[in-house]
Amino acid sequence: MYTGSLPVGTNRATYHQDFQLFDDETDEGVDLTGAVITLELKKQTSDTVVLSATTTNGKIVVTDVTNGNFELTFTEGDMRSLDPKTYDVGMTIEQNGEVLQYLKGTLPVLDGVVD
């Protein structure tokens, strides 16, 4: 599981991030066939989910199934709904009847200033 901070975003621009899953033992990309990937942003002071991305809602797209590549995109409209602050973020991957925690961290969001 990765812990830490995702790259900074602003609340006036599209947020796009590429990911790749590796098997720690073989150092090869993980096969994501049939995987459901979910990422949620929550306010740090509550359990309120402010943004959600999944492979089922199209905000997460697997770009290379056999090598574990996928991308996350929150539109500029999604990001405009966020106040400038740091959010908790978590990502799970459900595959073959198992749910694995892939990421637990934060996403800093800055005020993009432009209206």
N, C-alpha and C. Protein backbone atom coordinates (compact mmCIF):
# COMPACT_ATOMS: atom_id res chain seq x y z
N MET A 1 0.85 -1.17 0.00
CA MET A 1 0.00 0.00 0.00
C MET A 1 0.89 1.24 0.00
N TYR A 2 0.51 2.20 -0.82
CA TYR A 2 1.21 3.47 -0.88
C TYR A 2 0.61 4.42 0.15
N THR A 3 1.45 5.07 0.92
CA THR A 3 1.00 6.11 1.83
C THR A 3 1.78 7.37 1.51
N GLY A 4 1.10 8.49 1.56
CA GLY A 4 1.76 9.75 1.27
C GLY A 4 0.81 10.71 0.62
N SER A 5 1.35 11.66 -0.08
CA SER A 5 0.56 12.72 -0.69
C SER A 5 0.57 12.59 -2.21
N LEU A 6 -0.60 12.77 -2.80
CA LEU A 6 -0.68 12.84 -4.26
C LEU A 6 -0.20 14.23 -4.69
N PRO A 7 0.18 14.40 -5.96
CA PRO A 7 0.60 15.71 -6.43
C PRO A 7 -0.51 16.76 -6.25
N VAL A 8 -0.11 17.97 -5.96
CA VAL A 8 -1.03 19.08 -5.70
C VAL A 8 -1.92 19.35 -6.91
N GLY A 9 -3.18 19.70 -6.63
CA GLY A 9 -4.11 20.13 -7.66
C GLY A 9 -4.65 21.51 -7.31
N THR A 10 -5.41 22.10 -8.22
CA THR A 10 -6.08 23.36 -7.92
C THR A 10 -7.57 23.19 -8.16
N ASN A 11 -8.34 24.10 -7.58
CA ASN A 11 -9.79 24.01 -7.77
C ASN A 11 -10.26 24.81 -8.98
N ARG A 12 -9.37 25.03 -9.93
CA ARG A 12 -9.73 25.71 -11.18
C ARG A 12 -9.18 24.98 -12.41
N ALA A 13 -8.80 23.72 -12.25
CA ALA A 13 -8.24 22.99 -13.39
C ALA A 13 -8.53 21.50 -13.27
N THR A 14 -8.49 20.82 -14.39
CA THR A 14 -8.62 19.37 -14.42
C THR A 14 -7.47 18.75 -13.63
N TYR A 15 -7.79 17.71 -12.85
CA TYR A 15 -6.76 16.98 -12.11
C TYR A 15 -6.60 15.63 -12.78
N HIS A 16 -5.38 15.34 -13.22
CA HIS A 16 -5.11 14.08 -13.92
C HIS A 16 -3.87 13.44 -13.31
N GLN A 17 -3.98 12.17 -13.01
CA GLN A 17 -2.84 11.45 -12.42
C GLN A 17 -2.78 10.04 -12.99
N ASP A 18 -1.60 9.62 -13.42
CA ASP A 18 -1.38 8.26 -13.91
C ASP A 18 -0.82 7.39 -12.79
N PHE A 19 -1.22 6.12 -12.78
CA PHE A 19 -0.77 5.16 -11.78
C PHE A 19 -0.32 3.89 -12.48
N GLN A 20 0.56 3.14 -11.83
CA GLN A 20 0.89 1.79 -12.27
C GLN A 20 1.10 0.92 -11.04
N LEU A 21 0.44 -0.23 -11.01
CA LEU A 21 0.58 -1.19 -9.93
C LEU A 21 1.67 -2.19 -10.27
N PHE A 22 2.56 -2.44 -9.30
CA PHE A 22 3.63 -3.41 -9.47
C PHE A 22 3.50 -4.51 -8.43
N ASP A 23 3.85 -5.72 -8.82
CA ASP A 23 3.97 -6.83 -7.88
C ASP A 23 5.33 -6.68 -7.20
N ASP A 24 5.34 -6.55 -5.87
CA ASP A 24 6.59 -6.35 -5.13
C ASP A 24 7.58 -7.50 -5.31
N GLU A 25 7.06 -8.71 -5.50
CA GLU A 25 7.95 -9.87 -5.61
C GLU A 25 8.57 -10.01 -7.00
N THR A 26 7.81 -9.70 -8.05
CA THR A 26 8.31 -9.89 -9.41
C THR A 26 8.72 -8.59 -10.08
N ASP A 27 8.32 -7.45 -9.50
CA ASP A 27 8.57 -6.12 -10.06
C ASP A 27 7.97 -5.96 -11.45
N GLU A 28 6.88 -6.69 -11.69
CA GLU A 28 6.14 -6.59 -12.96
C GLU A 28 4.80 -5.94 -12.69
N GLY A 29 4.21 -5.38 -13.74
CA GLY A 29 2.90 -4.78 -13.62
C GLY A 29 1.86 -5.81 -13.24
N VAL A 30 0.87 -5.40 -12.45
CA VAL A 30 -0.21 -6.28 -11.98
C VAL A 30 -1.31 -6.32 -13.03
N ASP A 31 -1.81 -7.51 -13.33
CA ASP A 31 -2.93 -7.68 -14.26
C ASP A 31 -4.20 -7.17 -13.61
N LEU A 32 -4.85 -6.20 -14.24
CA LEU A 32 -6.07 -5.59 -13.69
C LEU A 32 -7.34 -6.09 -14.36
N THR A 33 -7.28 -7.24 -15.01
CA THR A 33 -8.47 -7.78 -15.66
C THR A 33 -9.60 -7.94 -14.65
N GLY A 34 -10.74 -7.31 -14.94
CA GLY A 34 -11.92 -7.42 -14.09
C GLY A 34 -11.86 -6.62 -12.80
N ALA A 35 -10.85 -5.79 -12.62
CA ALA A 35 -10.70 -5.02 -11.38
C ALA A 35 -11.65 -3.82 -11.36
N VAL A 36 -12.19 -3.55 -10.17
CA VAL A 36 -12.96 -2.33 -9.93
C VAL A 36 -12.11 -1.46 -9.00
N ILE A 37 -11.70 -0.32 -9.51
CA ILE A 37 -10.85 0.59 -8.75
C ILE A 37 -11.71 1.75 -8.26
N THR A 38 -11.58 2.08 -6.98
CA THR A 38 -12.36 3.16 -6.38
C THR A 38 -11.42 4.09 -5.61
N LEU A 39 -11.59 5.40 -5.84
CA LEU A 39 -10.85 6.41 -5.10
C LEU A 39 -11.85 7.41 -4.54
N GLU A 40 -11.69 7.76 -3.27
CA GLU A 40 -12.57 8.75 -2.65
C GLU A 40 -11.75 9.81 -1.95
N LEU A 41 -12.22 11.06 -2.05
CA LEU A 41 -11.68 12.19 -1.31
C LEU A 41 -12.66 12.54 -0.22
N LYS A 42 -12.14 12.73 1.00
CA LYS A 42 -12.98 13.11 2.14
C LYS A 42 -12.39 14.34 2.81
N LYS A 43 -13.28 15.12 3.41
CA LYS A 43 -12.82 16.22 4.26
C LYS A 43 -12.09 15.61 5.44
N GLN A 44 -10.99 16.21 5.86
CA GLN A 44 -10.21 15.66 6.96
C GLN A 44 -10.94 15.72 8.29
N THR A 45 -11.90 16.59 8.41
CA THR A 45 -12.60 16.76 9.68
C THR A 45 -13.89 15.95 9.77
N SER A 46 -14.22 15.19 8.73
CA SER A 46 -15.45 14.40 8.76
C SER A 46 -15.33 13.20 7.82
N ASP A 47 -16.37 12.40 7.80
CA ASP A 47 -16.41 11.25 6.89
C ASP A 47 -17.14 11.58 5.59
N THR A 48 -17.32 12.86 5.31
CA THR A 48 -18.06 13.27 4.12
C THR A 48 -17.21 13.10 2.87
N VAL A 49 -17.67 12.26 1.95
CA VAL A 49 -17.00 12.08 0.66
C VAL A 49 -17.34 13.28 -0.21
N VAL A 50 -16.31 13.96 -0.70
CA VAL A 50 -16.54 15.13 -1.54
C VAL A 50 -16.35 14.84 -3.03
N LEU A 51 -15.53 13.86 -3.36
CA LEU A 51 -15.38 13.40 -4.74
C LEU A 51 -15.13 11.90 -4.74
N SER A 52 -15.68 11.23 -5.75
CA SER A 52 -15.51 9.80 -5.88
C SER A 52 -15.20 9.46 -7.33
N ALA A 53 -14.23 8.60 -7.52
CA ALA A 53 -13.86 8.15 -8.86
C ALA A 53 -13.79 6.64 -8.86
N THR A 54 -14.34 6.02 -9.88
CA THR A 54 -14.29 4.57 -10.01
C THR A 54 -14.11 4.19 -11.48
N THR A 55 -13.78 2.93 -11.69
CA THR A 55 -13.75 2.44 -13.06
C THR A 55 -15.17 2.33 -13.61
N THR A 56 -16.17 2.29 -12.75
CA THR A 56 -17.55 2.20 -13.23
C THR A 56 -18.15 3.56 -13.57
N ASN A 57 -17.66 4.66 -12.95
CA ASN A 57 -18.20 5.97 -13.32
C ASN A 57 -17.33 6.69 -14.36
N GLY A 58 -16.26 6.03 -14.81
CA GLY A 58 -15.43 6.56 -15.89
C GLY A 58 -14.36 7.55 -15.48
N LYS A 59 -14.27 7.89 -14.21
CA LYS A 59 -13.25 8.83 -13.75
C LYS A 59 -11.90 8.13 -13.56
N ILE A 60 -11.93 6.80 -13.49
CA ILE A 60 -10.71 5.99 -13.51
C ILE A 60 -10.79 5.09 -14.73
N VAL A 61 -9.75 5.14 -15.55
CA VAL A 61 -9.71 4.35 -16.78
C VAL A 61 -8.45 3.50 -16.77
N VAL A 62 -8.62 2.20 -16.94
CA VAL A 62 -7.48 1.29 -17.05
C VAL A 62 -6.93 1.45 -18.46
N THR A 63 -5.67 1.82 -18.56
CA THR A 63 -5.06 2.09 -19.87
C THR A 63 -4.21 0.94 -20.39
N ASP A 64 -3.77 0.06 -19.50
CA ASP A 64 -3.02 -1.13 -19.90
C ASP A 64 -3.31 -2.22 -18.88
N VAL A 65 -4.27 -3.08 -19.20
CA VAL A 65 -4.77 -4.08 -18.26
C VAL A 65 -3.67 -5.00 -17.76
N THR A 66 -2.82 -5.49 -18.64
CA THR A 66 -1.84 -6.50 -18.25
C THR A 66 -0.64 -5.91 -17.50
N ASN A 67 -0.42 -4.60 -17.62
CA ASN A 67 0.73 -3.98 -16.95
C ASN A 67 0.34 -3.10 -15.76
N GLY A 68 -0.95 -3.09 -15.37
CA GLY A 68 -1.36 -2.38 -14.17
C GLY A 68 -1.44 -0.87 -14.31
N ASN A 69 -1.58 -0.36 -15.52
CA ASN A 69 -1.65 1.09 -15.73
C ASN A 69 -3.10 1.57 -15.72
N PHE A 70 -3.32 2.67 -14.99
CA PHE A 70 -4.63 3.32 -15.03
C PHE A 70 -4.46 4.80 -14.75
N GLU A 71 -5.49 5.57 -15.10
CA GLU A 71 -5.43 7.00 -14.90
C GLU A 71 -6.68 7.50 -14.21
N LEU A 72 -6.48 8.51 -13.40
CA LEU A 72 -7.55 9.18 -12.67
C LEU A 72 -7.73 10.56 -13.27
N THR A 73 -8.99 10.96 -13.52
CA THR A 73 -9.26 12.31 -14.00
C THR A 73 -10.47 12.87 -13.27
N PHE A 74 -10.26 14.00 -12.60
CA PHE A 74 -11.36 14.81 -12.09
C PHE A 74 -11.44 16.03 -12.99
N THR A 75 -12.62 16.30 -13.52
CA THR A 75 -12.79 17.44 -14.41
C THR A 75 -12.61 18.76 -13.66
N GLU A 76 -12.47 19.82 -14.41
CA GLU A 76 -12.40 21.15 -13.80
C GLU A 76 -13.66 21.41 -13.00
N GLY A 77 -14.81 20.96 -13.48
CA GLY A 77 -16.06 21.12 -12.74
C GLY A 77 -16.05 20.37 -11.42
N ASP A 78 -15.49 19.15 -11.41
CA ASP A 78 -15.34 18.39 -10.16
C ASP A 78 -14.47 19.17 -9.18
N MET A 79 -13.34 19.66 -9.66
CA MET A 79 -12.38 20.34 -8.80
C MET A 79 -12.92 21.66 -8.26
N ARG A 80 -13.77 22.34 -9.02
CA ARG A 80 -14.36 23.60 -8.56
C ARG A 80 -15.23 23.41 -7.32
N SER A 81 -15.69 22.19 -7.10
CA SER A 81 -16.53 21.92 -5.92
C SER A 81 -15.71 21.85 -4.63
N LEU A 82 -14.38 21.87 -4.75
CA LEU A 82 -13.51 21.71 -3.58
C LEU A 82 -13.04 23.05 -3.04
N ASP A 83 -13.04 23.18 -1.72
CA ASP A 83 -12.42 24.31 -1.06
C ASP A 83 -10.91 24.10 -1.09
N PRO A 84 -10.13 25.19 -1.09
CA PRO A 84 -8.68 25.02 -1.03
C PRO A 84 -8.24 24.54 0.35
N LYS A 85 -7.87 23.28 0.42
CA LYS A 85 -7.38 22.66 1.65
C LYS A 85 -6.84 21.28 1.31
N THR A 86 -6.40 20.54 2.28
CA THR A 86 -5.90 19.19 2.07
C THR A 86 -6.99 18.18 2.41
N TYR A 87 -7.19 17.22 1.53
CA TYR A 87 -8.22 16.20 1.68
C TYR A 87 -7.59 14.84 1.93
N ASP A 88 -8.29 14.00 2.67
CA ASP A 88 -7.88 12.60 2.82
C ASP A 88 -8.27 11.87 1.54
N VAL A 89 -7.45 10.95 1.12
CA VAL A 89 -7.74 10.16 -0.08
C VAL A 89 -7.45 8.70 0.21
N GLY A 90 -8.32 7.84 -0.30
CA GLY A 90 -8.12 6.40 -0.20
C GLY A 90 -8.49 5.74 -1.51
N MET A 91 -7.78 4.67 -1.84
CA MET A 91 -8.07 3.93 -3.07
C MET A 91 -8.07 2.45 -2.78
N THR A 92 -9.11 1.77 -3.26
CA THR A 92 -9.18 0.32 -3.15
C THR A 92 -9.29 -0.30 -4.54
N ILE A 93 -8.88 -1.55 -4.62
CA ILE A 93 -9.01 -2.32 -5.85
C ILE A 93 -9.68 -3.63 -5.49
N GLU A 94 -10.83 -3.86 -6.13
CA GLU A 94 -11.58 -5.10 -5.91
C GLU A 94 -11.40 -5.98 -7.13
N GLN A 95 -10.92 -7.21 -6.86
CA GLN A 95 -10.65 -8.14 -7.96
C GLN A 95 -10.67 -9.56 -7.42
N ASN A 96 -11.32 -10.44 -8.14
CA ASN A 96 -11.38 -11.86 -7.78
C ASN A 96 -11.89 -12.08 -6.35
N GLY A 97 -12.89 -11.31 -5.95
CA GLY A 97 -13.50 -11.47 -4.64
C GLY A 97 -12.72 -10.88 -3.48
N GLU A 98 -11.63 -10.19 -3.77
CA GLU A 98 -10.81 -9.56 -2.73
C GLU A 98 -10.83 -8.05 -2.89
N VAL A 99 -10.74 -7.33 -1.77
CA VAL A 99 -10.58 -5.88 -1.81
C VAL A 99 -9.24 -5.54 -1.16
N LEU A 100 -8.40 -4.85 -1.91
CA LEU A 100 -7.09 -4.45 -1.41
C LEU A 100 -7.02 -2.94 -1.31
N GLN A 101 -6.45 -2.45 -0.22
CA GLN A 101 -6.21 -1.01 -0.07
C GLN A 101 -4.94 -0.69 -0.83
N TYR A 102 -5.03 0.14 -1.85
CA TYR A 102 -3.87 0.50 -2.66
C TYR A 102 -3.21 1.79 -2.17
N LEU A 103 -4.03 2.74 -1.73
CA LEU A 103 -3.52 4.05 -1.38
C LEU A 103 -4.26 4.60 -0.18
N LYS A 104 -3.53 5.22 0.74
CA LYS A 104 -4.09 5.97 1.85
C LYS A 104 -3.20 7.18 2.03
N GLY A 105 -3.76 8.36 1.80
CA GLY A 105 -2.92 9.55 1.87
C GLY A 105 -3.72 10.82 1.83
N THR A 106 -3.13 11.83 1.20
CA THR A 106 -3.76 13.15 1.13
C THR A 106 -3.63 13.71 -0.28
N LEU A 107 -4.51 14.68 -0.57
CA LEU A 107 -4.45 15.43 -1.81
C LEU A 107 -4.58 16.92 -1.47
N PRO A 108 -3.50 17.68 -1.59
CA PRO A 108 -3.58 19.11 -1.35
C PRO A 108 -4.23 19.81 -2.55
N VAL A 109 -5.20 20.68 -2.28
CA VAL A 109 -5.87 21.44 -3.33
C VAL A 109 -5.68 22.92 -3.04
N LEU A 110 -5.12 23.63 -4.00
CA LEU A 110 -4.88 25.06 -3.87
C LEU A 110 -6.00 25.84 -4.55
N ASP A 111 -6.18 27.09 -4.13
CA ASP A 111 -7.12 27.99 -4.80
C ASP A 111 -6.51 28.38 -6.14
N GLY A 112 -7.19 28.06 -7.22
CA GLY A 112 -6.67 28.36 -8.54
C GLY A 112 -6.83 29.80 -8.97
N VAL A 113 -7.49 30.60 -8.18
CA VAL A 113 -7.64 32.05 -8.31
C VAL A 113 -8.54 32.46 -9.49
N VAL A 114 -8.35 31.91 -10.66
CA VAL A 114 -9.09 32.33 -11.85
C VAL A 114 -10.57 31.97 -11.72
N ASP A 115 -11.44 32.93 -12.02
CA ASP A 115 -12.88 32.65 -12.01
C ASP A 115 -13.32 32.49 -13.42
